[in-house]
Protein backbone atom coordinates (compact mmCIF):
# COMPACT_ATOMS: atom_id res chain seq x y z
CA UNK A 1 0.00 0.00 0.00
CA UNK A 2 1.27 3.47 -0.80
CA UNK A 3 1.83 5.76 2.15
CA UNK A 4 -0.51 8.69 2.58
CA UNK A 5 1.92 11.31 1.36
CA UNK A 6 2.43 9.50 -1.93
CA UNK A 7 -1.18 8.97 -2.87
CA UNK A 8 -3.38 11.79 -1.65
CA UNK A 9 -1.92 14.48 -3.91
CA UNK A 10 -2.15 12.54 -7.23
CA UNK A 11 -5.75 11.53 -6.46
CA UNK A 12 -6.63 15.03 -5.32
CA UNK A 13 -5.22 16.50 -8.52
CA UNK A 14 -6.75 13.95 -10.86
CA UNK A 15 -10.20 13.77 -9.29
CA UNK A 16 -10.78 16.94 -7.40
CA UNK A 17 -9.26 19.70 -9.48
CA UNK A 18 -8.87 18.81 -13.15
CA UNK A 19 -11.54 19.69 -15.68
CA UNK A 20 -13.59 16.74 -16.78
CA UNK A 21 -12.49 14.82 -13.66
CA UNK A 22 -14.15 11.53 -12.81
CA UNK A 23 -16.31 10.72 -9.82
CA UNK A 24 -15.66 7.89 -7.37
CA UNK A 25 -18.59 5.48 -7.28
CA UNK A 26 -18.75 2.91 -4.48
CA UNK A 27 -20.64 -0.29 -5.25
CA UNK A 28 -21.32 -3.46 -3.30
CA UNK A 29 -23.82 -5.25 -1.11
CA UNK A 30 -25.75 -3.64 1.70
CA UNK A 31 -23.55 -3.28 4.74
CA UNK A 32 -20.31 -3.13 2.75
CA UNK A 33 -19.47 0.28 4.21
CA UNK A 34 -20.09 2.40 1.13
CA UNK A 35 -21.53 5.36 2.99
CA UNK A 36 -19.06 5.21 5.88
CA UNK A 37 -16.04 5.02 3.59
CA UNK A 38 -17.55 7.37 1.01
CA UNK A 39 -17.92 10.19 3.51
CA UNK A 40 -14.30 9.82 4.59
CA UNK A 41 -13.11 9.75 1.00
CA UNK A 42 -15.08 12.87 0.19
CA UNK A 43 -13.62 14.70 3.18
CA UNK A 44 -10.04 13.75 2.28
CA UNK A 45 -10.47 14.65 -1.37
CA UNK A 46 -12.57 17.77 -0.77
CA UNK A 47 -15.39 16.43 -2.94
CA UNK A 48 -19.16 16.41 -2.35
CA UNK A 49 -20.59 13.15 -1.02
CA UNK A 50 -23.94 11.71 -2.12
CA UNK A 51 -25.84 8.54 -1.24
CA UNK A 52 -28.07 7.51 -4.15
CA UNK A 53 -30.67 5.86 -1.87
CA UNK A 54 -31.00 9.04 0.20
CA UNK A 55 -31.28 11.12 -2.97
CA UNK A 56 -34.03 8.83 -4.27
CA UNK A 57 -35.96 9.05 -1.01
CA UNK A 58 -35.66 12.83 -0.98
CA UNK A 59 -36.95 13.06 -4.55
CA UNK A 60 -39.81 10.58 -4.02
CA UNK A 61 -40.81 11.72 -0.55
CA UNK A 62 -41.01 8.09 0.63
CA UNK A 63 -38.49 5.44 1.65
CA UNK A 64 -36.80 2.95 -0.66
CA UNK A 65 -38.73 0.17 1.06
CA UNK A 66 -42.01 1.94 0.30
CA UNK A 67 -41.05 2.44 -3.37
CA UNK A 68 -40.34 -1.28 -3.63
CA UNK A 69 -43.61 -2.13 -1.91
CA UNK A 70 -45.81 0.19 -4.01
CA UNK A 71 -44.16 0.02 -7.42
CA UNK A 72 -41.76 -2.96 -7.53
CA UNK A 73 -38.05 -3.25 -8.21
CA UNK A 74 -38.13 -2.42 -11.95
CA UNK A 75 -39.76 0.93 -11.25
CA UNK A 76 -37.19 1.63 -8.52
CA UNK A 77 -34.21 0.75 -10.75
CA UNK A 78 -35.37 3.11 -13.49
CA UNK A 79 -35.66 5.97 -11.03
CA UNK A 80 -32.33 5.02 -9.46
CA UNK A 81 -30.69 5.19 -12.88
CA UNK A 82 -32.04 8.69 -13.50
CA UNK A 83 -30.84 9.90 -10.10
CA UNK A 84 -27.35 8.46 -10.60
CA UNK A 85 -27.13 10.03 -14.07
CA UNK A 86 -28.09 13.42 -12.63
CA UNK A 87 -25.57 13.19 -9.79
CA UNK A 88 -22.70 12.10 -12.02
CA UNK A 89 -23.49 14.85 -14.51
CA UNK A 90 -22.68 17.35 -11.75
CA UNK A 91 -19.42 15.59 -10.77
CA UNK A 92 -16.81 15.03 -9.68
CA UNK A 93 -18.34 13.59 -6.52
CA UNK A 94 -18.06 10.60 -4.24
CA UNK A 95 -21.20 8.50 -4.67
CA UNK A 96 -22.39 5.56 -2.57
CA UNK A 97 -24.87 3.47 -4.55
CA UNK A 98 -27.51 1.00 -3.51
CA UNK A 99 -26.58 -2.66 -3.59
CA UNK A 100 -28.45 -3.41 -6.80
CA UNK A 101 -27.55 -0.27 -8.76
CA UNK A 102 -24.46 -1.72 -10.43
CA UNK A 103 -26.44 -4.74 -11.62
CA UNK A 104 -28.28 -2.55 -14.14
CA UNK A 105 -26.35 -2.54 -17.43
CA UNK A 106 -27.34 1.03 -18.31
CA UNK A 107 -26.25 2.26 -14.89
CA UNK A 108 -22.89 0.51 -15.29
CA UNK A 109 -22.47 2.30 -18.61
CA UNK A 110 -23.19 5.65 -16.95
CA UNK A 111 -20.68 4.94 -14.20
CA UNK A 112 -18.02 3.80 -16.68
CA UNK A 113 -18.42 7.00 -18.67
CA UNK A 114 -18.16 9.41 -15.76
CA UNK A 115 -16.67 7.60 -12.79
CA UNK A 116 -14.26 5.13 -11.28
CA UNK A 117 -16.17 2.20 -9.81
CA UNK A 118 -14.89 0.80 -6.50
CA UNK A 119 -16.32 -2.51 -5.28
CA UNK A 120 -16.41 -2.61 -1.50
CA UNK A 121 -16.18 -6.38 -1.06
CA UNK A 122 -17.10 -7.70 2.37
CA UNK A 123 -17.47 -11.29 3.65
CA UNK A 124 -20.94 -12.48 4.62
CA UNK A 125 -20.28 -12.61 8.42
CA UNK A 126 -19.16 -8.98 8.34
CA UNK A 127 -22.21 -7.97 6.31
CA UNK A 128 -24.53 -9.80 8.71
CA UNK A 129 -23.15 -7.97 11.72
CA UNK A 130 -23.50 -4.63 9.97
CA UNK A 131 -27.10 -5.08 8.75
CA UNK A 132 -28.45 -6.87 11.83
CA UNK A 133 -31.79 -5.38 12.87
CA UNK A 134 -32.17 -3.12 9.83
CA UNK A 135 -35.76 -3.31 8.61
CA UNK A 136 -35.50 -0.69 5.85
CA UNK A 137 -33.73 -3.07 3.45
CA UNK A 138 -36.51 -4.48 1.22
CA UNK A 139 -34.49 -7.34 -0.22
CA UNK A 140 -33.19 -8.32 3.22
CA UNK A 141 -36.74 -8.71 4.48
CA UNK A 142 -37.48 -11.45 1.94
CA UNK A 143 -36.15 -14.28 4.10
CA UNK A 144 -33.35 -15.37 6.41
CA UNK A 145 -30.76 -12.54 6.27
CA UNK A 146 -27.81 -14.92 5.95
CA UNK A 147 -29.43 -16.83 3.13
CA UNK A 148 -30.50 -13.63 1.36
CA UNK A 149 -26.99 -12.18 1.54
CA UNK A 150 -25.43 -15.41 0.30
CA UNK A 151 -27.78 -15.55 -2.69
CA UNK A 152 -27.23 -11.88 -3.49
CA UNK A 153 -23.47 -12.27 -3.20
CA UNK A 154 -23.40 -15.28 -5.53
CA UNK A 155 -25.50 -13.46 -8.12
CA UNK A 156 -23.86 -10.05 -7.91
CA UNK A 157 -20.16 -10.75 -7.29
CA UNK A 158 -19.36 -11.51 -10.97
CA UNK A 159 -20.89 -8.15 -11.96
CA UNK A 160 -19.34 -6.20 -9.08
CA UNK A 161 -16.02 -7.62 -10.29
CA UNK A 162 -16.34 -5.40 -13.36
CA UNK A 163 -15.54 -2.43 -11.11
CA UNK A 164 -12.28 -0.62 -11.79
CA UNK A 165 -11.00 -1.23 -8.26
CA UNK A 166 -11.75 -3.93 -5.68
CA UNK A 167 -11.27 -3.18 -1.98
CA UNK A 168 -11.78 -5.67 0.86
CA UNK A 169 -14.05 -4.13 3.46
CA UNK A 170 -13.34 -5.97 6.69
CA UNK A 171 -13.41 -5.15 10.39
CA UNK A 172 -10.38 -2.90 10.02
CA UNK A 173 -10.95 0.67 11.23
CA UNK A 174 -12.74 2.78 8.58
CA UNK A 175 -9.77 5.14 8.24
CA UNK A 176 -7.54 2.20 7.34
CA UNK A 177 -9.98 1.04 4.66
CA UNK A 178 -10.27 4.61 3.38
CA UNK A 179 -6.50 4.80 3.01
CA UNK A 180 -6.58 1.51 1.08
CA UNK A 181 -9.11 3.03 -1.31
CA UNK A 182 -6.99 6.15 -1.73
CA UNK A 183 -3.89 4.07 -2.47
CA UNK A 184 -5.77 2.04 -5.08
CA UNK A 185 -7.21 5.21 -6.63
CA UNK A 186 -3.72 6.71 -6.83
CA UNK A 187 -2.50 3.70 -8.77
CA UNK A 188 -5.56 3.81 -11.01
CA UNK A 189 -5.63 7.50 -11.87
CA UNK A 190 -1.87 7.79 -12.37
CA UNK A 191 -1.73 4.82 -14.73
CA UNK A 192 -0.82 5.92 -18.24
CA UNK A 193 -2.99 4.56 -21.04
CA UNK A 194 -1.53 4.59 -24.54
CA UNK A 195 -3.92 3.62 -27.34
CA UNK A 196 -2.80 1.48 -30.25
CA UNK A 197 -5.49 2.63 -32.68
CA UNK A 198 -5.41 -0.10 -35.30
CA UNK A 199 -8.54 0.02 -37.49
CA UNK A 200 -9.63 -3.56 -36.89
CA UNK A 201 -7.74 -4.61 -33.76
CA UNK A 202 -7.18 -1.58 -31.56
CA UNK A 203 -6.16 -1.97 -27.94
CA UNK A 204 -4.69 -0.09 -25.00
CA UNK A 205 -1.33 -0.31 -23.28
CA UNK A 206 -1.78 0.43 -19.57
CA UNK A 207 1.35 1.46 -17.64
CA UNK A 208 1.54 2.01 -13.89
CA UNK A 209 2.77 0.86 -10.51
CA UNK A 210 1.07 -1.93 -8.62
CA UNK A 211 -1.53 -2.45 -11.34
CA UNK A 212 -0.96 -6.21 -11.62
CA UNK A 213 -3.12 -6.62 -8.52
CA UNK A 214 -6.01 -5.01 -10.41
CA UNK A 215 -5.37 -6.72 -13.73
CA UNK A 216 -8.51 -8.85 -13.46
CA UNK A 217 -10.86 -5.92 -13.95
CA UNK A 218 -8.88 -4.60 -16.92
CA UNK A 219 -8.76 -8.05 -18.52
CA UNK A 220 -12.50 -8.51 -17.95
CA UNK A 221 -13.18 -5.31 -19.86
CA UNK A 222 -10.87 -6.25 -22.75
CA UNK A 223 -11.49 -9.98 -23.21
CA UNK A 224 -14.61 -11.66 -24.59
CA UNK A 225 -14.85 -14.38 -21.94
CA UNK A 226 -13.92 -14.80 -18.29
CA UNK A 227 -11.84 -17.83 -18.93
CA UNK A 228 -8.10 -17.55 -19.54
CA UNK A 229 -5.04 -19.73 -19.80
CA UNK A 230 -1.97 -18.04 -18.33
CA UNK A 231 1.37 -18.91 -19.91
CA UNK A 232 4.45 -18.01 -17.90
CA UNK A 233 7.90 -19.33 -17.05
CA UNK A 234 9.27 -20.81 -13.85
CA UNK A 235 11.04 -17.66 -12.66
CA UNK A 236 8.17 -15.27 -13.36
CA UNK A 237 5.65 -17.68 -11.82
CA UNK A 238 7.54 -17.61 -8.54
CA UNK A 239 7.74 -13.82 -8.48
CA UNK A 240 4.43 -12.61 -9.95
CA UNK A 241 1.91 -15.38 -10.66
CA UNK A 242 0.16 -15.26 -7.24
CA UNK A 243 -0.75 -11.59 -7.73
CA UNK A 244 -2.17 -12.26 -11.18
CA UNK A 245 -4.18 -15.31 -10.14
CA UNK A 246 -5.51 -13.35 -7.16
CA UNK A 247 -6.61 -10.58 -9.52
CA UNK A 248 -8.26 -13.13 -11.82
CA UNK A 249 -10.09 -14.65 -8.86
CA UNK A 250 -11.25 -11.19 -7.80
CA UNK A 251 -12.73 -10.59 -11.25
CA UNK A 252 -14.48 -13.95 -11.42
CA UNK A 253 -12.22 -15.59 -14.01
CA UNK A 254 -11.86 -19.32 -14.51
CA UNK A 255 -8.14 -19.76 -15.13
CA UNK A 256 -5.43 -22.33 -15.73
CA UNK A 257 -1.68 -21.89 -15.81
CA UNK A 258 0.94 -23.44 -18.08
CA UNK A 259 4.59 -22.99 -17.10
CA UNK A 260 7.46 -23.25 -19.57
CA UNK A 261 11.21 -23.27 -18.88
CA UNK A 262 12.83 -19.81 -18.85
CA UNK A 263 15.15 -18.69 -21.60
CA UNK A 264 15.39 -18.37 -25.36
CA UNK A 265 15.47 -22.16 -25.78
CA UNK A 266 11.72 -22.20 -25.13
CA UNK A 267 11.18 -20.41 -28.46
CA UNK A 268 11.57 -23.69 -30.33
CA UNK A 269 9.30 -25.84 -32.46
CA UNK A 270 9.41 -28.56 -29.83
CA UNK A 271 8.34 -26.25 -27.02
CA UNK A 272 5.72 -24.63 -29.25
CA UNK A 273 4.21 -28.03 -30.07
CA UNK A 274 4.19 -29.01 -26.40
CA UNK A 275 2.47 -25.75 -25.47
CA UNK A 276 -0.21 -26.12 -28.16
CA UNK A 277 -0.97 -29.66 -26.98
CA UNK A 278 -1.15 -28.49 -23.36
CA UNK A 279 -3.54 -25.69 -24.30
CA UNK A 280 -5.77 -28.05 -26.29
CA UNK A 281 -5.80 -30.50 -23.38
CA UNK A 282 -7.52 -27.79 -21.33
CA UNK A 283 -10.43 -27.76 -23.84
CA UNK A 284 -10.41 -24.04 -24.67
CA UNK A 285 -13.37 -22.45 -26.38
CA UNK A 286 -12.91 -19.98 -29.22
CA UNK A 287 -13.27 -17.04 -26.81
CA UNK A 288 -10.88 -18.44 -24.20
CA UNK A 289 -7.92 -16.07 -23.98
CA UNK A 290 -4.22 -16.75 -23.66
CA UNK A 291 -2.51 -14.40 -21.19
CA UNK A 292 1.27 -14.10 -21.49
CA UNK A 293 2.89 -13.28 -18.13
CA UNK A 294 6.62 -12.86 -18.55
CA UNK A 295 9.37 -11.51 -20.74
CA UNK A 296 9.77 -11.47 -24.47
CA UNK A 297 10.25 -15.22 -24.80
CA UNK A 298 6.96 -15.97 -23.06
CA UNK A 299 5.15 -13.26 -25.01
CA UNK A 300 6.45 -14.44 -28.37
CA UNK A 301 5.78 -18.11 -27.65
CA UNK A 302 2.36 -17.65 -26.03
CA UNK A 303 1.28 -15.15 -28.67
CA UNK A 304 2.15 -17.51 -31.50
CA UNK A 305 0.34 -20.33 -29.69
CA UNK A 306 -2.72 -18.06 -29.38
CA UNK A 307 -2.53 -17.22 -33.08
CA UNK A 308 -2.37 -20.89 -34.08
CA UNK A 309 -4.77 -22.57 -31.63
CA UNK A 310 -8.32 -22.92 -32.98
CA UNK A 311 -7.20 -20.58 -35.78
CA UNK A 312 -6.77 -17.75 -33.33
CA UNK A 313 -7.56 -17.26 -29.65
CA UNK A 314 -7.81 -13.86 -27.94
CA UNK A 315 -4.52 -12.82 -26.42
CA UNK A 316 -3.31 -10.46 -23.68
CA UNK A 317 0.19 -9.40 -22.73
CA UNK A 318 1.44 -8.76 -19.20
CA UNK A 319 5.16 -8.20 -19.78
CA UNK A 320 7.44 -8.37 -16.74
CA UNK A 321 10.82 -7.49 -18.27
CA UNK A 322 11.85 -4.04 -19.47
CA UNK A 323 12.63 -5.45 -22.91
CA UNK A 324 9.15 -6.91 -23.31
CA UNK A 325 7.49 -3.84 -21.85
CA UNK A 326 9.03 -1.40 -24.31
CA UNK A 327 9.23 -3.61 -27.38
CA UNK A 328 7.94 -7.13 -27.93
CA UNK A 329 4.62 -6.85 -26.08
CA UNK A 330 3.38 -4.08 -28.41
CA UNK A 331 2.72 -4.55 -32.09
CA UNK A 332 1.46 -8.11 -32.47
CA UNK A 333 4.64 -9.80 -33.67
CA UNK A 334 4.75 -13.34 -32.31
CA UNK A 335 7.03 -16.22 -33.19
CA UNK A 336 9.67 -18.79 -32.45
CA UNK A 337 13.18 -19.50 -33.66
CA UNK A 338 14.40 -21.93 -36.29
CA UNK A 339 17.83 -23.47 -36.62
CA UNK A 340 18.04 -21.17 -39.66
CA UNK A 341 17.53 -17.99 -37.65
CA UNK A 342 15.62 -15.96 -35.06
CA UNK A 343 11.84 -15.44 -35.26
CA UNK A 344 11.58 -17.05 -38.70
CA UNK A 345 8.39 -18.89 -37.72
CA UNK A 346 5.49 -16.79 -36.48
CA UNK A 347 2.45 -14.64 -37.13
CA UNK A 348 1.04 -11.18 -36.57
CA UNK A 349 -1.49 -11.52 -33.74
CA UNK A 350 -2.45 -8.34 -31.89
CA UNK A 351 -3.18 -8.51 -28.15
CA UNK A 352 -6.50 -7.30 -26.76
CA UNK A 353 -4.69 -5.39 -24.00
CA UNK A 354 -1.17 -4.88 -22.67
CA UNK A 355 -0.78 -4.36 -18.91
CA UNK A 356 2.62 -3.06 -17.78
CA UNK A 357 3.23 -2.99 -14.03
CA UNK A 358 6.55 -1.25 -13.46
CA UNK A 359 6.79 -2.86 -10.01
CA UNK A 360 7.73 -6.12 -11.75
CA UNK A 361 11.06 -4.53 -12.65
CA UNK A 362 12.09 -4.66 -8.99
CA UNK A 363 12.77 -8.38 -9.36
CA UNK A 364 14.58 -8.03 -12.69
CA UNK A 365 18.37 -8.53 -12.67
CA UNK A 366 20.22 -5.41 -13.74
CA UNK A 367 21.67 -7.18 -16.77
CA UNK A 368 18.20 -7.94 -18.10
CA UNK A 369 17.01 -4.42 -17.32
CA UNK A 370 19.95 -3.02 -19.27
CA UNK A 371 19.09 -5.31 -22.18
CA UNK A 372 15.60 -3.80 -22.26
CA UNK A 373 17.03 -0.31 -22.06
CA UNK A 374 18.73 -0.87 -25.41
CA UNK A 375 15.31 -0.89 -27.09
CA UNK A 376 14.43 2.47 -25.50
CA UNK A 377 17.71 3.87 -26.80
CA UNK A 378 16.88 2.43 -30.23
CA UNK A 379 13.57 4.32 -30.34
CA UNK A 380 15.40 7.60 -29.88
CA UNK A 381 18.01 6.76 -32.49
CA UNK A 382 15.33 5.92 -35.06
CA UNK A 383 13.25 9.08 -34.99
CA UNK A 384 13.38 10.98 -31.69
CA UNK A 385 16.48 13.04 -30.93
CA UNK A 386 14.94 14.34 -27.69
CA UNK A 387 14.38 10.79 -26.41
CA UNK A 388 17.96 9.77 -27.20
CA UNK A 389 19.34 12.84 -25.42
CA UNK A 390 17.01 12.11 -22.49
CA UNK A 391 18.49 8.59 -22.36
CA UNK A 392 22.03 9.97 -22.29
CA UNK A 393 21.06 12.20 -19.36
CA UNK A 394 19.03 9.68 -17.36
CA UNK A 395 19.98 6.16 -18.48
CA UNK A 396 22.28 5.38 -15.57
CA UNK A 397 19.74 6.52 -12.94
CA UNK A 398 16.98 4.66 -14.75
CA UNK A 399 18.91 1.40 -14.57
CA UNK A 400 19.84 2.08 -10.96
CA UNK A 401 16.12 1.70 -10.17
CA UNK A 402 14.54 5.15 -10.38
CA UNK A 403 10.92 4.09 -10.85
CA UNK A 404 9.67 7.45 -12.11
CA UNK A 405 12.32 7.47 -14.83
CA UNK A 406 11.50 3.88 -15.71
CA UNK A 407 7.81 4.64 -16.16
CA UNK A 408 8.59 7.74 -18.22
CA UNK A 409 10.93 5.77 -20.46
CA UNK A 410 8.46 2.92 -20.89
CA UNK A 411 5.65 5.32 -21.79
CA UNK A 412 7.78 7.25 -24.30
CA UNK A 413 9.07 4.10 -25.97
CA UNK A 414 5.61 2.50 -26.12
CA UNK A 415 4.04 5.67 -27.53
CA UNK A 416 6.72 5.79 -30.21
CA UNK A 417 6.27 2.15 -31.16
CA UNK A 418 2.46 2.43 -31.10
CA UNK A 419 2.63 5.24 -33.63
CA UNK A 420 4.84 3.21 -35.93
CA UNK A 421 2.70 0.08 -35.59
CA UNK A 422 -0.52 1.96 -36.36
CA UNK A 423 1.02 3.42 -39.50
CA UNK A 424 2.31 0.03 -40.67
CA UNK A 425 0.68 -2.92 -38.82
CA UNK A 426 2.25 -5.70 -40.90
CA UNK A 427 5.58 -4.16 -41.92
CA UNK A 428 4.58 -3.59 -45.53
CA UNK A 429 5.21 0.14 -45.90
CA UNK A 430 8.88 -0.14 -46.84
CA UNK A 431 11.39 2.49 -45.79
CA UNK A 432 8.79 4.75 -44.19
CA UNK A 433 7.17 2.09 -42.03
CA UNK A 434 7.61 -0.46 -39.34
CA UNK A 435 10.84 -1.81 -40.82
CA UNK A 436 12.60 1.13 -39.14
CA UNK A 437 12.07 -0.64 -35.80
CA UNK A 438 14.73 -3.11 -37.00
CA UNK A 439 17.53 -0.58 -36.51
CA UNK A 440 20.50 -2.66 -35.36
CA UNK A 441 18.56 -5.91 -35.67
CA UNK A 442 20.17 -7.26 -38.85
CA UNK A 443 23.38 -7.28 -36.85
CA UNK A 444 21.75 -8.31 -33.57
CA UNK A 445 20.00 -11.40 -34.91
CA UNK A 446 23.27 -12.43 -36.53
CA UNK A 447 25.12 -12.14 -33.21
CA UNK A 448 22.41 -14.14 -31.45
CA UNK A 449 22.58 -16.88 -34.09
CA UNK A 450 26.36 -17.07 -33.73
CA UNK A 451 26.06 -17.47 -29.95
CA UNK A 452 23.22 -20.00 -30.12
CA UNK A 453 20.28 -17.82 -28.97
CA UNK A 454 21.28 -18.41 -25.36
CA UNK A 455 22.21 -16.63 -22.16
CA UNK A 456 25.69 -15.81 -23.46
CA UNK A 457 24.20 -12.82 -25.29
CA UNK A 458 20.77 -11.43 -24.42
CA UNK A 459 18.66 -9.97 -27.23
CA UNK A 460 18.97 -6.43 -25.90
CA UNK A 461 22.73 -6.81 -25.57
CA UNK A 462 22.88 -7.93 -29.21
CA UNK A 463 20.75 -4.91 -30.17
CA UNK A 464 23.12 -2.59 -28.30
CA UNK A 465 26.11 -3.82 -30.32
CA UNK A 466 23.95 -3.75 -33.44
CA UNK A 467 23.17 -0.07 -32.93
CA UNK A 468 26.85 0.79 -32.91
CA UNK A 469 27.36 -1.34 -36.01
CA UNK A 470 24.42 0.31 -37.82
CA UNK A 471 25.83 3.79 -37.28
CA UNK A 472 29.35 2.67 -38.14
CA UNK A 473 28.02 1.20 -41.40
CA UNK A 474 26.01 4.35 -42.09
CA UNK A 475 29.15 6.45 -41.67
CA UNK A 476 31.17 4.16 -43.93
CA UNK A 477 28.57 4.60 -46.63
CA UNK A 478 28.69 8.38 -46.24
CA UNK A 479 25.26 8.81 -44.66
CA UNK A 480 26.13 10.21 -41.22
CA UNK A 481 28.81 11.75 -39.02
CA UNK A 482 31.49 9.14 -38.07
CA UNK A 483 31.47 10.52 -34.50
CA UNK A 484 27.98 9.20 -33.76
CA UNK A 485 28.90 5.50 -33.45
CA UNK A 486 31.62 6.21 -30.82
CA UNK A 487 29.16 8.48 -28.97
CA UNK A 488 26.61 5.65 -28.78
CA UNK A 489 29.32 3.19 -27.74
CA UNK A 490 30.44 5.49 -24.91
CA UNK A 491 26.89 5.69 -23.57
CA UNK A 492 26.53 1.92 -23.72
CA UNK A 493 29.67 1.60 -21.61
CA UNK A 494 28.21 4.07 -19.09
CA UNK A 495 25.05 1.99 -18.61
CA UNK A 496 26.84 -1.36 -18.60
CA UNK A 497 25.90 -2.68 -22.04
CA UNK A 498 28.30 -4.32 -24.50
CA UNK A 499 29.30 -2.28 -27.53
CA UNK A 500 31.74 -4.55 -29.37
CA UNK A 501 31.74 -8.02 -30.93
CA UNK A 502 33.68 -10.64 -29.02
CA UNK A 503 36.02 -11.78 -31.80
CA UNK A 504 33.48 -13.77 -33.80
CA UNK A 505 34.44 -14.67 -37.39
CA UNK A 506 33.18 -12.10 -39.90
CA UNK A 507 32.45 -14.68 -42.60
CA UNK A 508 30.26 -16.72 -40.26
CA UNK A 509 28.35 -13.57 -39.31
CA UNK A 510 27.79 -12.68 -42.95
CA UNK A 511 26.47 -16.19 -43.58
CA UNK A 512 23.92 -15.75 -40.78
CA UNK A 513 22.83 -12.45 -42.29
CA UNK A 514 22.03 -14.11 -45.60
CA UNK A 515 19.50 -16.30 -43.75
CA UNK A 516 17.78 -13.38 -42.05
CA UNK A 517 14.13 -12.68 -42.96
CA UNK A 518 15.02 -9.06 -43.76
CA UNK A 519 16.79 -10.04 -47.00
CA UNK A 520 15.22 -8.30 -50.02
CA UNK A 521 15.54 -9.74 -53.52
CA UNK A 522 18.61 -11.67 -52.41
CA UNK A 523 20.32 -8.54 -51.08
CA UNK A 524 21.25 -7.65 -47.52
CA UNK A 525 18.75 -5.11 -46.13
CA UNK A 526 19.64 -2.75 -43.32
CA UNK A 527 18.18 0.13 -41.38
CA UNK A 528 20.72 2.93 -41.70
CA UNK A 529 20.75 6.52 -40.42
CA UNK A 530 21.59 10.00 -41.63
CA UNK A 531 22.00 11.02 -38.01
CA UNK A 532 20.43 10.51 -34.61
CA UNK A 533 16.67 10.39 -35.12
CA UNK A 534 16.94 10.03 -38.89
CA UNK A 535 16.77 6.32 -39.76
CA UNK A 536 15.93 4.87 -43.15
CA UNK A 537 16.04 1.44 -44.82
CA UNK A 538 18.32 0.39 -47.63
CA UNK A 539 19.07 -2.79 -49.56
CA UNK A 540 21.86 -1.08 -51.50
CA UNK A 541 24.58 -2.09 -49.04
CA UNK A 542 27.80 -3.66 -50.36
CA UNK A 543 28.79 -6.81 -48.42
CA UNK A 544 32.34 -5.48 -48.30
CA UNK A 545 31.17 -2.48 -46.26
CA UNK A 546 29.31 -4.76 -43.87
CA UNK A 547 32.45 -6.86 -43.45
CA UNK A 548 34.51 -3.72 -42.71
CA UNK A 549 31.98 -2.68 -40.04
CA UNK A 550 32.06 -6.13 -38.43
CA UNK A 551 35.86 -6.07 -38.33
CA UNK A 552 35.90 -2.53 -36.94
CA UNK A 553 33.47 -3.56 -34.20
CA UNK A 554 35.53 -6.54 -33.04
CA UNK A 555 35.02 -9.42 -35.46
CA UNK A 556 37.99 -11.30 -36.89
């Protein structure tokens, strides 16, 4: 939980002061503490507080119980909907709703448009103690209170789970529960949402701290069915799977988990076949989603499995490495490796949502974080001078764990890639399109192939060396200033990334390049640059110049 000083100001700014701010709408069963907590929230956020039941009674001149008795529930719900619409139109406010309000689909739509829904979830024994002796609850008077509450809970919990935030309302002091709501609101309102506005498969990338715990609600809104199969690896499962499965349980998902070995070796035909068979053994339906929880290997493998199973299952990405967060999780490229090269077998399969919790980086070894950083640097070198200069100024602190810098870098890199992907979803636009994202990759994939796609050289480390090579080659061909490649190399040294080849044979590297999928008409194709932020593609690259670059960068 965030401490009070860290969460009150962001929530206050986002909800209480900004134009077009959203209301906080508390939902849940009778006795969940909506009014008690709502009043405290309103006081702390300096917002008006309203109770929809009290507003209805004031407008009707009779109690809720009397409205039910005289006119029935349908009549009451219609009036309740009108009252809630009126109150939210005058927002931002804190609103406590009646227990059944959120069950009405039109009311949920109103709340989604103007508010942040918070489910105050309380166990039945707590609810019973709180509502004991209350005779003004019309539904509670329909039988044994315990039985009524149990039936209502069973029927309503799956719908309440569609709320943006879920808070456990227990016997803790109200101020403690209020602080829990404020902390959750801070995480929710400060999350950055970057749209990937593809015409037929648009989705959002959500970036924030601590948002894995609330991933269930976001997945429920993005996926067609509340059944998922989580694919992860052994290391990520130990660190992050319990939080995800807890979030899925909160949102009423049926879920299974498949765990693959960590590392690039899992991106193989054998592992892909095993994963497909394991998925099929779970009897998925066509709307059952695959959720990738892990780094780039898990995302690529699980995404390709989703693309192939039943001719395409829905897919969601929850990347836990910096490399996956800024690169592979966005754009829909999925695939596995062949003995002929990296990512030669695969498909374009866009996710329905990408959820990036920057807290997962706390468990990431620095070497892997640095490997991911290379992709952020690449984005600046392709087309954003300001981003590259920002990296030179802040890269060391970012990799030392500054979470604010990490989130800023992730958001900037994702926004850049989203723009490129939207303009060229399937890498068909030539030099002006998505192919520019391959800056340094013709070299990088070659280095990975030479080292066996293993832990000896991580993908981001290969990209780092590839960036230096790309600018060295560009300078040799007369396209850019020869001082740029050494400048990039010096920054890579500062942040702890490799910037030279480790004596690999140049002829073997050239042979790997000829097998790369970026060959065009039998010619080597490269992304080159006229300067920082000025990348372009070219297939008019003499092999002799490539050999000279490889030798200059450490090959033999």
